[in-house]
């Protein structure tokens, strides 16, 4: 059995702490500490601090990111959302899963997750 090198082990442990083990079965819901706005052709996540918009910390979403964000309802799993991405866009399942997990990890500060 080959053991992973130190850097791989460290990164995995670090990712587990930061990413809260987001998986395809995880069920995301929007955090009350962020609002989503579509302004012209831009899709924005705006963090709130004490119910006041933090305009210095805007997060811009791509069209695909906005599609995913709008599907988050606290009922659909990451896997369910990935299936809808595959249906909507011309992308294979493997790539969609990787990209969806990357997206959820990237915006996890604006989300809450639960397991079924």
PDB file of N, CA and C in Angstrom:
ATOM      1  N   UNK A   1       0.844  -1.185   0.000  1.00  0.00           N
ATOM      2  CA  UNK A   1       0.000   0.000   0.000  1.00  0.00           C
ATOM      3  C   UNK A   1       0.883   1.240   0.000  1.00  0.00           C
ATOM      4  N   UNK A   2       0.597   2.156  -0.917  1.00  0.00           N
ATOM      5  CA  UNK A   2       1.380   3.372  -1.018  1.00  0.00           C
ATOM      6  C   UNK A   2       0.692   4.487  -0.239  1.00  0.00           C
ATOM      7  N   UNK A   3       1.440   5.128   0.627  1.00  0.00           N
ATOM      8  CA  UNK A   3       0.894   6.231   1.414  1.00  0.00           C
ATOM      9  C   UNK A   3       0.992   7.527   0.628  1.00  0.00           C
ATOM     10  N   UNK A   4       0.033   8.423   0.783  1.00  0.00           N
ATOM     11  CA  UNK A   4       0.133   9.715   0.095  1.00  0.00           C
ATOM     12  C   UNK A   4       1.264  10.532   0.695  1.00  0.00           C
ATOM     13  N   UNK A   5       1.807  11.423  -0.133  1.00  0.00           N
ATOM     14  CA  UNK A   5       2.876  12.258   0.411  1.00  0.00           C
ATOM     15  C   UNK A   5       2.294  13.296   1.376  1.00  0.00           C
ATOM     16  N   UNK A   6       3.156  13.943   2.114  1.00  0.00           N
ATOM     17  CA  UNK A   6       2.737  14.869   3.164  1.00  0.00           C
ATOM     18  C   UNK A   6       1.828  15.971   2.625  1.00  0.00           C
ATOM     19  N   UNK A   7       2.193  16.574   1.488  1.00  0.00           N
ATOM     20  CA  UNK A   7       1.409  17.683   0.951  1.00  0.00           C
ATOM     21  C   UNK A   7      -0.012  17.250   0.609  1.00  0.00           C
ATOM     22  N   UNK A   8      -0.174  16.065   0.021  1.00  0.00           N
ATOM     23  CA  UNK A   8      -1.513  15.591  -0.307  1.00  0.00           C
ATOM     24  C   UNK A   8      -2.328  15.370   0.962  1.00  0.00           C
ATOM     25  N   UNK A   9      -1.707  14.800   1.980  1.00  0.00           N
ATOM     26  CA  UNK A   9      -2.406  14.555   3.237  1.00  0.00           C
ATOM     27  C   UNK A   9      -2.838  15.870   3.863  1.00  0.00           C
ATOM     28  N   UNK A  10      -1.950  16.839   3.894  1.00  0.00           N
ATOM     29  CA  UNK A  10      -2.267  18.135   4.475  1.00  0.00           C
ATOM     30  C   UNK A  10      -3.415  18.795   3.726  1.00  0.00           C
ATOM     31  N   UNK A  11      -3.353  18.770   2.399  1.00  0.00           N
ATOM     32  CA  UNK A  11      -4.409  19.412   1.617  1.00  0.00           C
ATOM     33  C   UNK A  11      -5.748  18.739   1.836  1.00  0.00           C
ATOM     34  N   UNK A  12      -5.763  17.418   1.913  1.00  0.00           N
ATOM     35  CA  UNK A  12      -7.027  16.716   2.157  1.00  0.00           C
ATOM     36  C   UNK A  12      -7.596  17.086   3.521  1.00  0.00           C
ATOM     37  N   UNK A  13      -6.754  17.098   4.538  1.00  0.00           N
ATOM     38  CA  UNK A  13      -7.242  17.454   5.869  1.00  0.00           C
ATOM     39  C   UNK A  13      -7.731  18.891   5.881  1.00  0.00           C
ATOM     40  N   UNK A  14      -6.996  19.791   5.244  1.00  0.00           N
ATOM     41  CA  UNK A  14      -7.380  21.188   5.177  1.00  0.00           C
ATOM     42  C   UNK A  14      -8.714  21.321   4.446  1.00  0.00           C
ATOM     43  N   UNK A  15      -8.866  20.626   3.336  1.00  0.00           N
ATOM     44  CA  UNK A  15     -10.101  20.708   2.567  1.00  0.00           C
ATOM     45  C   UNK A  15     -11.283  20.189   3.372  1.00  0.00           C
ATOM     46  N   UNK A  16     -11.098  19.145   4.137  1.00  0.00           N
ATOM     47  CA  UNK A  16     -12.186  18.601   4.931  1.00  0.00           C
ATOM     48  C   UNK A  16     -12.663  19.605   5.968  1.00  0.00           C
ATOM     49  N   UNK A  17     -11.759  20.323   6.540  1.00  0.00           N
ATOM     50  CA  UNK A  17     -12.124  21.320   7.546  1.00  0.00           C
ATOM     51  C   UNK A  17     -12.855  22.484   6.889  1.00  0.00           C
ATOM     52  N   UNK A  18     -12.310  22.987   5.795  1.00  0.00           N
ATOM     53  CA  UNK A  18     -12.888  24.154   5.147  1.00  0.00           C
ATOM     54  C   UNK A  18     -14.174  23.820   4.404  1.00  0.00           C
ATOM     55  N   UNK A  19     -14.227  22.678   3.748  1.00  0.00           N
ATOM     56  CA  UNK A  19     -15.351  22.360   2.870  1.00  0.00           C
ATOM     57  C   UNK A  19     -16.488  21.621   3.556  1.00  0.00           C
ATOM     58  N   UNK A  20     -16.342  21.275   4.817  1.00  0.00           N
ATOM     59  CA  UNK A  20     -17.402  20.597   5.544  1.00  0.00           C
ATOM     60  C   UNK A  20     -17.909  19.366   4.804  1.00  0.00           C
ATOM     61  N   UNK A  21     -17.003  18.687   4.117  1.00  0.00           N
ATOM     62  CA  UNK A  21     -17.335  17.425   3.447  1.00  0.00           C
ATOM     63  C   UNK A  21     -18.514  17.572   2.475  1.00  0.00           C
ATOM     64  N   UNK A  22     -18.518  18.597   1.662  1.00  0.00           N
ATOM     65  CA  UNK A  22     -19.563  18.765   0.663  1.00  0.00           C
ATOM     66  C   UNK A  22     -19.480  17.597  -0.313  1.00  0.00           C
ATOM     67  N   UNK A  23     -20.612  16.924  -0.519  1.00  0.00           N
ATOM     68  CA  UNK A  23     -20.655  15.788  -1.431  1.00  0.00           C
ATOM     69  C   UNK A  23     -21.898  15.899  -2.301  1.00  0.00           C
ATOM     70  N   UNK A  24     -22.048  14.963  -3.213  1.00  0.00           N
ATOM     71  CA  UNK A  24     -23.216  14.977  -4.091  1.00  0.00           C
ATOM     72  C   UNK A  24     -24.515  14.778  -3.321  1.00  0.00           C
ATOM     73  N   UNK A  25     -24.439  14.172  -2.141  1.00  0.00           N
ATOM     74  CA  UNK A  25     -25.656  13.976  -1.340  1.00  0.00           C
ATOM     75  C   UNK A  25     -25.982  15.176  -0.444  1.00  0.00           C
ATOM     76  N   UNK A  26     -25.050  16.122  -0.311  1.00  0.00           N
ATOM     77  CA  UNK A  26     -25.287  17.307   0.511  1.00  0.00           C
ATOM     78  C   UNK A  26     -26.444  18.126  -0.058  1.00  0.00           C
ATOM     79  N   UNK A  27     -27.223  18.706   0.843  1.00  0.00           N
ATOM     80  CA  UNK A  27     -28.372  19.519   0.437  1.00  0.00           C
ATOM     81  C   UNK A  27     -28.102  20.964   0.855  1.00  0.00           C
ATOM     82  N   UNK A  28     -27.849  21.829  -0.135  1.00  0.00           N
ATOM     83  CA  UNK A  28     -27.550  23.230   0.187  1.00  0.00           C
ATOM     84  C   UNK A  28     -28.814  24.082   0.309  1.00  0.00           C
ATOM     85  N   UNK A  29     -28.711  25.111   1.124  1.00  0.00           N
ATOM     86  CA  UNK A  29     -29.740  26.149   1.188  1.00  0.00           C
ATOM     87  C   UNK A  29     -29.016  27.486   1.337  1.00  0.00           C
ATOM     88  N   UNK A  30     -29.692  28.539   0.956  1.00  0.00           N
ATOM     89  CA  UNK A  30     -29.082  29.870   1.008  1.00  0.00           C
ATOM     90  C   UNK A  30     -28.931  30.341   2.448  1.00  0.00           C
ATOM     91  N   UNK A  31     -27.821  30.984   2.719  1.00  0.00           N
ATOM     92  CA  UNK A  31     -27.606  31.604   4.018  1.00  0.00           C
ATOM     93  C   UNK A  31     -28.420  32.895   4.091  1.00  0.00           C
ATOM     94  N   UNK A  32     -28.982  33.203   5.244  1.00  0.00           N
ATOM     95  CA  UNK A  32     -29.683  34.484   5.381  1.00  0.00           C
ATOM     96  C   UNK A  32     -28.718  35.675   5.379  1.00  0.00           C
ATOM     97  N   UNK A  33     -27.420  35.388   5.371  1.00  0.00           N
ATOM     98  CA  UNK A  33     -26.416  36.453   5.415  1.00  0.00           C
ATOM     99  C   UNK A  33     -25.958  36.877   4.021  1.00  0.00           C
ATOM    100  N   UNK A  34     -26.746  36.545   2.992  1.00  0.00           N
ATOM    101  CA  UNK A  34     -26.390  36.940   1.627  1.00  0.00           C
ATOM    102  C   UNK A  34     -27.669  37.127   0.813  1.00  0.00           C
ATOM    103  N   UNK A  35     -27.616  38.055  -0.136  1.00  0.00           N
ATOM    104  CA  UNK A  35     -28.722  38.233  -1.075  1.00  0.00           C
ATOM    105  C   UNK A  35     -28.192  38.055  -2.490  1.00  0.00           C
ATOM    106  N   UNK A  36     -29.053  37.576  -3.364  1.00  0.00           N
ATOM    107  CA  UNK A  36     -28.731  37.362  -4.771  1.00  0.00           C
ATOM    108  C   UNK A  36     -29.462  38.414  -5.576  1.00  0.00           C
ATOM    109  N   UNK A  37     -28.736  39.084  -6.460  1.00  0.00           N
ATOM    110  CA  UNK A  37     -29.356  40.102  -7.312  1.00  0.00           C
ATOM    111  C   UNK A  37     -28.883  39.927  -8.747  1.00  0.00           C
ATOM    112  N   UNK A  38     -29.831  40.103  -9.657  1.00  0.00           N
ATOM    113  CA  UNK A  38     -29.509  40.133 -11.081  1.00  0.00           C
ATOM    114  C   UNK A  38     -29.627  41.595 -11.504  1.00  0.00           C
ATOM    115  N   UNK A  39     -28.514  42.175 -11.903  1.00  0.00           N
ATOM    116  CA  UNK A  39     -28.496  43.575 -12.315  1.00  0.00           C
ATOM    117  C   UNK A  39     -27.967  43.619 -13.743  1.00  0.00           C
ATOM    118  N   UNK A  40     -28.851  43.970 -14.670  1.00  0.00           N
ATOM    119  CA  UNK A  40     -28.549  43.917 -16.099  1.00  0.00           C
ATOM    120  C   UNK A  40     -28.071  42.509 -16.449  1.00  0.00           C
ATOM    121  N   UNK A  41     -26.854  42.361 -16.922  1.00  0.00           N
ATOM    122  CA  UNK A  41     -26.337  41.043 -17.303  1.00  0.00           C
ATOM    123  C   UNK A  41     -25.424  40.449 -16.243  1.00  0.00           C
ATOM    124  N   UNK A  42     -25.444  41.000 -15.035  1.00  0.00           N
ATOM    125  CA  UNK A  42     -24.578  40.489 -13.976  1.00  0.00           C
ATOM    126  C   UNK A  42     -25.411  39.805 -12.895  1.00  0.00           C
ATOM    127  N   UNK A  43     -24.832  38.748 -12.349  1.00  0.00           N
ATOM    128  CA  UNK A  43     -25.454  38.003 -11.256  1.00  0.00           C
ATOM    129  C   UNK A  43     -24.568  38.188 -10.036  1.00  0.00           C
ATOM    130  N   UNK A  44     -25.106  38.760  -8.978  1.00  0.00           N
ATOM    131  CA  UNK A  44     -24.295  39.129  -7.820  1.00  0.00           C
ATOM    132  C   UNK A  44     -24.786  38.462  -6.541  1.00  0.00           C
ATOM    133  N   UNK A  45     -23.833  38.026  -5.727  1.00  0.00           N
ATOM    134  CA  UNK A  45     -24.093  37.638  -4.346  1.00  0.00           C
ATOM    135  C   UNK A  45     -23.575  38.782  -3.495  1.00  0.00           C
ATOM    136  N   UNK A  46     -24.438  39.279  -2.617  1.00  0.00           N
ATOM    137  CA  UNK A  46     -24.073  40.427  -1.792  1.00  0.00           C
ATOM    138  C   UNK A  46     -24.163  40.016  -0.323  1.00  0.00           C
ATOM    139  N   UNK A  47     -23.010  39.911   0.331  1.00  0.00           N
ATOM    140  CA  UNK A  47     -23.025  39.547   1.759  1.00  0.00           C
ATOM    141  C   UNK A  47     -23.658  40.656   2.593  1.00  0.00           C
ATOM    142  N   UNK A  48     -24.303  40.251   3.677  1.00  0.00           N
ATOM    143  CA  UNK A  48     -24.913  41.201   4.606  1.00  0.00           C
ATOM    144  C   UNK A  48     -24.174  41.149   5.937  1.00  0.00           C
ATOM    145  N   UNK A  49     -23.938  42.311   6.492  1.00  0.00           N
ATOM    146  CA  UNK A  49     -23.376  42.417   7.827  1.00  0.00           C
ATOM    147  C   UNK A  49     -24.334  43.261   8.641  1.00  0.00           C
ATOM    148  N   UNK A  50     -24.913  42.686   9.676  1.00  0.00           N
ATOM    149  CA  UNK A  50     -25.939  43.371  10.471  1.00  0.00           C
ATOM    150  C   UNK A  50     -27.063  43.905   9.581  1.00  0.00           C
ATOM    151  N   UNK A  51     -27.488  43.070   8.617  1.00  0.00           N
ATOM    152  CA  UNK A  51     -28.555  43.393   7.661  1.00  0.00           C
ATOM    153  C   UNK A  51     -28.231  44.559   6.738  1.00  0.00           C
ATOM    154  N   UNK A  52     -26.955  44.883   6.612  1.00  0.00           N
ATOM    155  CA  UNK A  52     -26.516  45.949   5.709  1.00  0.00           C
ATOM    156  C   UNK A  52     -25.630  45.314   4.638  1.00  0.00           C
ATOM    157  N   UNK A  53     -25.883  45.664   3.370  1.00  0.00           N
ATOM    158  CA  UNK A  53     -25.110  45.096   2.265  1.00  0.00           C
ATOM    159  C   UNK A  53     -23.649  45.502   2.367  1.00  0.00           C
ATOM    160  N   UNK A  54     -22.768  44.517   2.230  1.00  0.00           N
ATOM    161  CA  UNK A  54     -21.319  44.752   2.217  1.00  0.00           C
ATOM    162  C   UNK A  54     -20.896  44.874   0.764  1.00  0.00           C
ATOM    163  N   UNK A  55     -20.996  46.073   0.211  1.00  0.00           N
ATOM    164  CA  UNK A  55     -20.745  46.295  -1.206  1.00  0.00           C
ATOM    165  C   UNK A  55     -19.274  46.112  -1.587  1.00  0.00           C
ATOM    166  N   UNK A  56     -18.387  46.051  -0.611  1.00  0.00           N
ATOM    167  CA  UNK A  56     -16.973  45.817  -0.889  1.00  0.00           C
ATOM    168  C   UNK A  56     -16.662  44.340  -1.082  1.00  0.00           C
ATOM    169  N   UNK A  57     -17.636  43.484  -0.837  1.00  0.00           N
ATOM    170  CA  UNK A  57     -17.407  42.038  -0.911  1.00  0.00           C
ATOM    171  C   UNK A  57     -18.352  41.346  -1.895  1.00  0.00           C
ATOM    172  N   UNK A  58     -18.707  42.035  -2.959  1.00  0.00           N
ATOM    173  CA  UNK A  58     -19.596  41.443  -3.964  1.00  0.00           C
ATOM    174  C   UNK A  58     -18.944  40.223  -4.587  1.00  0.00           C
ATOM    175  N   UNK A  59     -19.760  39.264  -4.943  1.00  0.00           N
ATOM    176  CA  UNK A  59     -19.282  38.053  -5.591  1.00  0.00           C
ATOM    177  C   UNK A  59     -20.072  37.902  -6.882  1.00  0.00           C
ATOM    178  N   UNK A  60     -19.388  37.913  -8.024  1.00  0.00           N
ATOM    179  CA  UNK A  60     -20.062  37.806  -9.322  1.00  0.00           C
ATOM    180  C   UNK A  60     -20.150  36.342  -9.740  1.00  0.00           C
ATOM    181  N   UNK A  61     -21.327  35.942 -10.194  1.00  0.00           N
ATOM    182  CA  UNK A  61     -21.533  34.583 -10.669  1.00  0.00           C
ATOM    183  C   UNK A  61     -21.575  34.558 -12.189  1.00  0.00           C
ATOM    184  N   UNK A  62     -21.097  33.467 -12.765  1.00  0.00           N
ATOM    185  CA  UNK A  62     -21.264  33.240 -14.196  1.00  0.00           C
ATOM    186  C   UNK A  62     -22.714  32.857 -14.449  1.00  0.00           C
ATOM    187  N   UNK A  63     -23.069  32.717 -15.702  1.00  0.00           N
ATOM    188  CA  UNK A  63     -24.429  32.287 -16.041  1.00  0.00           C
ATOM    189  C   UNK A  63     -24.708  30.903 -15.454  1.00  0.00           C
ATOM    190  N   UNK A  64     -23.732  30.013 -15.530  1.00  0.00           N
ATOM    191  CA  UNK A  64     -23.909  28.674 -14.964  1.00  0.00           C
ATOM    192  C   UNK A  64     -24.022  28.747 -13.449  1.00  0.00           C
ATOM    193  N   UNK A  65     -23.182  29.580 -12.819  1.00  0.00           N
ATOM    194  CA  UNK A  65     -23.252  29.750 -11.369  1.00  0.00           C
ATOM    195  C   UNK A  65     -24.603  30.287 -10.936  1.00  0.00           C
ATOM    196  N   UNK A  66     -25.144  31.238 -11.698  1.00  0.00           N
ATOM    197  CA  UNK A  66     -26.465  31.795 -11.386  1.00  0.00           C
ATOM    198  C   UNK A  66     -27.550  30.733 -11.568  1.00  0.00           C
ATOM    199  N   UNK A  67     -27.409  29.895 -12.598  1.00  0.00           N
ATOM    200  CA  UNK A  67     -28.360  28.800 -12.823  1.00  0.00           C
ATOM    201  C   UNK A  67     -28.371  27.874 -11.612  1.00  0.00           C
ATOM    202  N   UNK A  68     -27.177  27.513 -11.149  1.00  0.00           N
ATOM    203  CA  UNK A  68     -27.057  26.647  -9.975  1.00  0.00           C
ATOM    204  C   UNK A  68     -27.654  27.341  -8.753  1.00  0.00           C
ATOM    205  N   UNK A  69     -27.295  28.602  -8.539  1.00  0.00           N
ATOM    206  CA  UNK A  69     -27.762  29.344  -7.363  1.00  0.00           C
ATOM    207  C   UNK A  69     -29.288  29.362  -7.299  1.00  0.00           C
ATOM    208  N   UNK A  70     -29.914  29.562  -8.447  1.00  0.00           N
ATOM    209  CA  UNK A  70     -31.370  29.641  -8.476  1.00  0.00           C
ATOM    210  C   UNK A  70     -32.038  28.289  -8.225  1.00  0.00           C
ATOM    211  N   UNK A  71     -31.297  27.197  -8.405  1.00  0.00           N
ATOM    212  CA  UNK A  71     -31.837  25.869  -8.120  1.00  0.00           C
ATOM    213  C   UNK A  71     -31.737  25.495  -6.638  1.00  0.00           C
ATOM    214  N   UNK A  72     -30.922  26.195  -5.902  1.00  0.00           N
ATOM    215  CA  UNK A  72     -30.729  25.876  -4.485  1.00  0.00           C
ATOM    216  C   UNK A  72     -32.013  26.236  -3.736  1.00  0.00           C
ATOM    217  N   UNK A  73     -32.637  25.208  -3.154  1.00  0.00           N
ATOM    218  CA  UNK A  73     -33.917  25.433  -2.485  1.00  0.00           C
ATOM    219  C   UNK A  73     -34.023  24.738  -1.127  1.00  0.00           C
ATOM    220  N   UNK A  74     -32.932  24.122  -0.675  1.00  0.00           N
ATOM    221  CA  UNK A  74     -32.977  23.419   0.596  1.00  0.00           C
ATOM    222  C   UNK A  74     -33.587  22.031   0.496  1.00  0.00           C
ATOM    223  N   UNK A  75     -33.988  21.629  -0.708  1.00  0.00           N
ATOM    224  CA  UNK A  75     -34.571  20.308  -0.941  1.00  0.00           C
ATOM    225  C   UNK A  75     -33.723  19.480  -1.903  1.00  0.00           C
ATOM    226  N   UNK A  76     -33.227  20.126  -2.973  1.00  0.00           N
ATOM    227  CA  UNK A  76     -32.414  19.420  -3.965  1.00  0.00           C
ATOM    228  C   UNK A  76     -30.999  19.207  -3.439  1.00  0.00           C
ATOM    229  N   UNK A  77     -30.457  18.026  -3.705  1.00  0.00           N
ATOM    230  CA  UNK A  77     -29.072  17.738  -3.327  1.00  0.00           C
ATOM    231  C   UNK A  77     -28.124  18.302  -4.388  1.00  0.00           C
ATOM    232  N   UNK A  78     -26.848  18.336  -4.063  1.00  0.00           N
ATOM    233  CA  UNK A  78     -25.837  18.751  -5.035  1.00  0.00           C
ATOM    234  C   UNK A  78     -25.925  17.842  -6.265  1.00  0.00           C
ATOM    235  N   UNK A  79     -26.152  16.548  -6.058  1.00  0.00           N
ATOM    236  CA  UNK A  79     -26.297  15.614  -7.177  1.00  0.00           C
ATOM    237  C   UNK A  79     -27.512  15.916  -8.036  1.00  0.00           C
ATOM    238  N   UNK A  80     -28.639  16.270  -7.405  1.00  0.00           N
ATOM    239  CA  UNK A  80     -29.849  16.647  -8.151  1.00  0.00           C
ATOM    240  C   UNK A  80     -29.591  17.888  -8.997  1.00  0.00           C
ATOM    241  N   UNK A  81     -28.927  18.861  -8.394  1.00  0.00           N
ATOM    242  CA  UNK A  81     -28.614  20.106  -9.104  1.00  0.00           C
ATOM    243  C   UNK A  81     -27.665  19.821 -10.257  1.00  0.00           C
ATOM    244  N   UNK A  82     -26.694  18.944 -10.031  1.00  0.00           N
ATOM    245  CA  UNK A  82     -25.763  18.560 -11.094  1.00  0.00           C
ATOM    246  C   UNK A  82     -26.512  17.937 -12.268  1.00  0.00           C
ATOM    247  N   UNK A  83     -27.495  17.110 -11.983  1.00  0.00           N
ATOM    248  CA  UNK A  83     -28.296  16.502 -13.057  1.00  0.00           C
ATOM    249  C   UNK A  83     -28.990  17.567 -13.897  1.00  0.00           C
ATOM    250  N   UNK A  84     -29.483  18.605 -13.249  1.00  0.00           N
ATOM    251  CA  UNK A  84     -30.145  19.686 -13.976  1.00  0.00           C
ATOM    252  C   UNK A  84     -29.155  20.481 -14.820  1.00  0.00           C
ATOM    253  N   UNK A  85     -27.908  20.623 -14.330  1.00  0.00           N
ATOM    254  CA  UNK A  85     -26.864  21.285 -15.115  1.00  0.00           C
ATOM    255  C   UNK A  85     -26.563  20.463 -16.368  1.00  0.00           C
ATOM    256  N   UNK A  86     -26.474  19.151 -16.223  1.00  0.00           N
ATOM    257  CA  UNK A  86     -26.220  18.271 -17.373  1.00  0.00           C
ATOM    258  C   UNK A  86     -27.342  18.409 -18.396  1.00  0.00           C
ATOM    259  N   UNK A  87     -28.592  18.485 -17.936  1.00  0.00           N
ATOM    260  CA  UNK A  87     -29.736  18.636 -18.833  1.00  0.00           C
ATOM    261  C   UNK A  87     -29.725  19.981 -19.557  1.00  0.00           C
ATOM    262  N   UNK A  88     -29.351  21.037 -18.845  1.00  0.00           N
ATOM    263  CA  UNK A  88     -29.432  22.402 -19.378  1.00  0.00           C
ATOM    264  C   UNK A  88     -28.266  22.769 -20.295  1.00  0.00           C
ATOM    265  N   UNK A  89     -27.072  22.301 -19.948  1.00  0.00           N
ATOM    266  CA  UNK A  89     -25.862  22.685 -20.674  1.00  0.00           C
ATOM    267  C   UNK A  89     -25.263  21.462 -21.366  1.00  0.00           C
ATOM    268  N   UNK A  90     -24.509  21.685 -22.368  1.00  0.00           N
ATOM    269  CA  UNK A  90     -23.864  20.604 -23.110  1.00  0.00           C
ATOM    270  C   UNK A  90     -22.579  20.194 -22.391  1.00  0.00           C
ATOM    271  N   UNK A  91     -22.737  19.377 -21.346  1.00  0.00           N
ATOM    272  CA  UNK A  91     -21.599  18.975 -20.526  1.00  0.00           C
ATOM    273  C   UNK A  91     -21.811  17.542 -20.045  1.00  0.00           C
ATOM    274  N   UNK A  92     -20.712  16.794 -19.940  1.00  0.00           N
ATOM    275  CA  UNK A  92     -20.794  15.427 -19.442  1.00  0.00           C
ATOM    276  C   UNK A  92     -20.990  15.385 -17.935  1.00  0.00           C
ATOM    277  N   UNK A  93     -21.502  14.268 -17.446  1.00  0.00           N
ATOM    278  CA  UNK A  93     -21.801  14.109 -16.019  1.00  0.00           C
ATOM    279  C   UNK A  93     -20.556  14.279 -15.150  1.00  0.00           C
ATOM    280  N   UNK A  94     -19.427  13.659 -15.532  1.00  0.00           N
ATOM    281  CA  UNK A  94     -18.205  13.736 -14.719  1.00  0.00           C
ATOM    282  C   UNK A  94     -17.720  15.175 -14.565  1.00  0.00           C
ATOM    283  N   UNK A  95     -17.713  15.901 -15.668  1.00  0.00           N
ATOM    284  CA  UNK A  95     -17.264  17.298 -15.626  1.00  0.00           C
ATOM    285  C   UNK A  95     -18.239  18.140 -14.814  1.00  0.00           C
ATOM    286  N   UNK A  96     -19.532  17.915 -15.003  1.00  0.00           N
ATOM    287  CA  UNK A  96     -20.550  18.673 -14.265  1.00  0.00           C
ATOM    288  C   UNK A  96     -20.427  18.427 -12.766  1.00  0.00           C
ATOM    289  N   UNK A  97     -20.177  17.184 -12.350  1.00  0.00           N
ATOM    290  CA  UNK A  97     -20.023  16.881 -10.920  1.00  0.00           C
ATOM    291  C   UNK A  97     -18.822  17.611 -10.337  1.00  0.00           C
ATOM    292  N   UNK A  98     -17.693  17.541 -11.027  1.00  0.00           N
ATOM    293  CA  UNK A  98     -16.489  18.220 -10.535  1.00  0.00           C
ATOM    294  C   UNK A  98     -16.718  19.727 -10.447  1.00  0.00           C
ATOM    295  N   UNK A  99     -17.270  20.296 -11.512  1.00  0.00           N
ATOM    296  CA  UNK A  99     -17.505  21.744 -11.536  1.00  0.00           C
ATOM    297  C   UNK A  99     -18.523  22.170 -10.479  1.00  0.00           C
ATOM    298  N   UNK A 100     -19.568  21.377 -10.287  1.00  0.00           N
ATOM    299  CA  UNK A 100     -20.579  21.717  -9.273  1.00  0.00           C
ATOM    300  C   UNK A 100     -19.973  21.676  -7.878  1.00  0.00           C
ATOM    301  N   UNK A 101     -19.204  20.628  -7.586  1.00  0.00           N
ATOM    302  CA  UNK A 101     -18.561  20.543  -6.264  1.00  0.00           C
ATOM    303  C   UNK A 101     -17.601  21.703  -6.066  1.00  0.00           C
ATOM    304  N   UNK A 102     -16.841  22.066  -7.110  1.00  0.00           N
ATOM    305  CA  UNK A 102     -15.942  23.230  -7.025  1.00  0.00           C
ATOM    306  C   UNK A 102     -16.737  24.503  -6.743  1.00  0.00           C
ATOM    307  N   UNK A 103     -17.858  24.672  -7.441  1.00  0.00           N
ATOM    308  CA  UNK A 103     -18.704  25.851  -7.238  1.00  0.00           C
ATOM    309  C   UNK A 103     -19.192  25.919  -5.796  1.00  0.00           C
ATOM    310  N   UNK A 104     -19.729  24.810  -5.287  1.00  0.00           N
ATOM    311  CA  UNK A 104     -20.269  24.812  -3.924  1.00  0.00           C
ATOM    312  C   UNK A 104     -19.177  25.077  -2.890  1.00  0.00           C
ATOM    313  N   UNK A 105     -17.996  24.569  -3.125  1.00  0.00           N
ATOM    314  CA  UNK A 105     -16.886  24.852  -2.206  1.00  0.00           C
ATOM    315  C   UNK A 105     -16.491  26.330  -2.259  1.00  0.00           C
ATOM    316  N   UNK A 106     -16.565  26.899  -3.462  1.00  0.00           N
ATOM    317  CA  UNK A 106     -16.172  28.297  -3.643  1.00  0.00           C
ATOM    318  C   UNK A 106     -17.150  29.267  -2.970  1.00  0.00           C
ATOM    319  N   UNK A 107     -18.427  28.936  -2.972  1.00  0.00           N
ATOM    320  CA  UNK A 107     -19.435  29.850  -2.413  1.00  0.00           C
ATOM    321  C   UNK A 107     -20.009  29.343  -1.086  1.00  0.00           C
ATOM    322  N   UNK A 108     -19.330  28.382  -0.468  1.00  0.00           N
ATOM    323  CA  UNK A 108     -19.893  27.771   0.739  1.00  0.00           C
ATOM    324  C   UNK A 108     -20.125  28.758   1.876  1.00  0.00           C
ATOM    325  N   UNK A 109     -19.417  29.868   1.893  1.00  0.00           N
ATOM    326  CA  UNK A 109     -19.651  30.852   2.962  1.00  0.00           C
ATOM    327  C   UNK A 109     -21.036  31.491   2.844  1.00  0.00           C
ATOM    328  N   UNK A 110     -21.663  31.354   1.670  1.00  0.00           N
ATOM    329  CA  UNK A 110     -22.993  31.915   1.440  1.00  0.00           C
ATOM    330  C   UNK A 110     -24.090  30.860   1.525  1.00  0.00           C
ATOM    331  N   UNK A 111     -23.734  29.655   1.963  1.00  0.00           N
ATOM    332  CA  UNK A 111     -24.668  28.541   1.982  1.00  0.00           C
ATOM    333  C   UNK A 111     -24.664  27.834   3.323  1.00  0.00           C
ATOM    334  N   UNK A 112     -25.699  27.056   3.530  1.00  0.00           N
ATOM    335  CA  UNK A 112     -25.780  26.136   4.663  1.00  0.00           C
ATOM    336  C   UNK A 112     -26.013  24.760   4.052  1.00  0.00           C
ATOM    337  N   UNK A 113     -25.408  23.731   4.646  1.00  0.00           N
ATOM    338  CA  UNK A 113     -25.537  22.384   4.101  1.00  0.00           C
ATOM    339  C   UNK A 113     -26.089  21.450   5.183  1.00  0.00           C
ATOM    340  N   UNK A 114     -26.839  20.468   4.705  1.00  0.00           N
ATOM    341  CA  UNK A 114     -27.273  19.385   5.580  1.00  0.00           C
ATOM    342  C   UNK A 114     -27.145  18.092   4.789  1.00  0.00           C
ATOM    343  N   UNK A 115     -27.107  17.012   5.503  1.00  0.00           N
ATOM    344  CA  UNK A 115     -27.077  15.701   4.865  1.00  0.00           C
ATOM    345  C   UNK A 115     -28.459  15.082   4.987  1.00  0.00           C
ATOM    346  N   UNK A 116     -28.851  14.280   3.995  1.00  0.00           N
ATOM    347  CA  UNK A 116     -30.200  13.694   4.015  1.00  0.00           C
ATOM    348  C   UNK A 116     -30.376  12.734   5.185  1.00  0.00           C
TER     349      UNK A 116
END
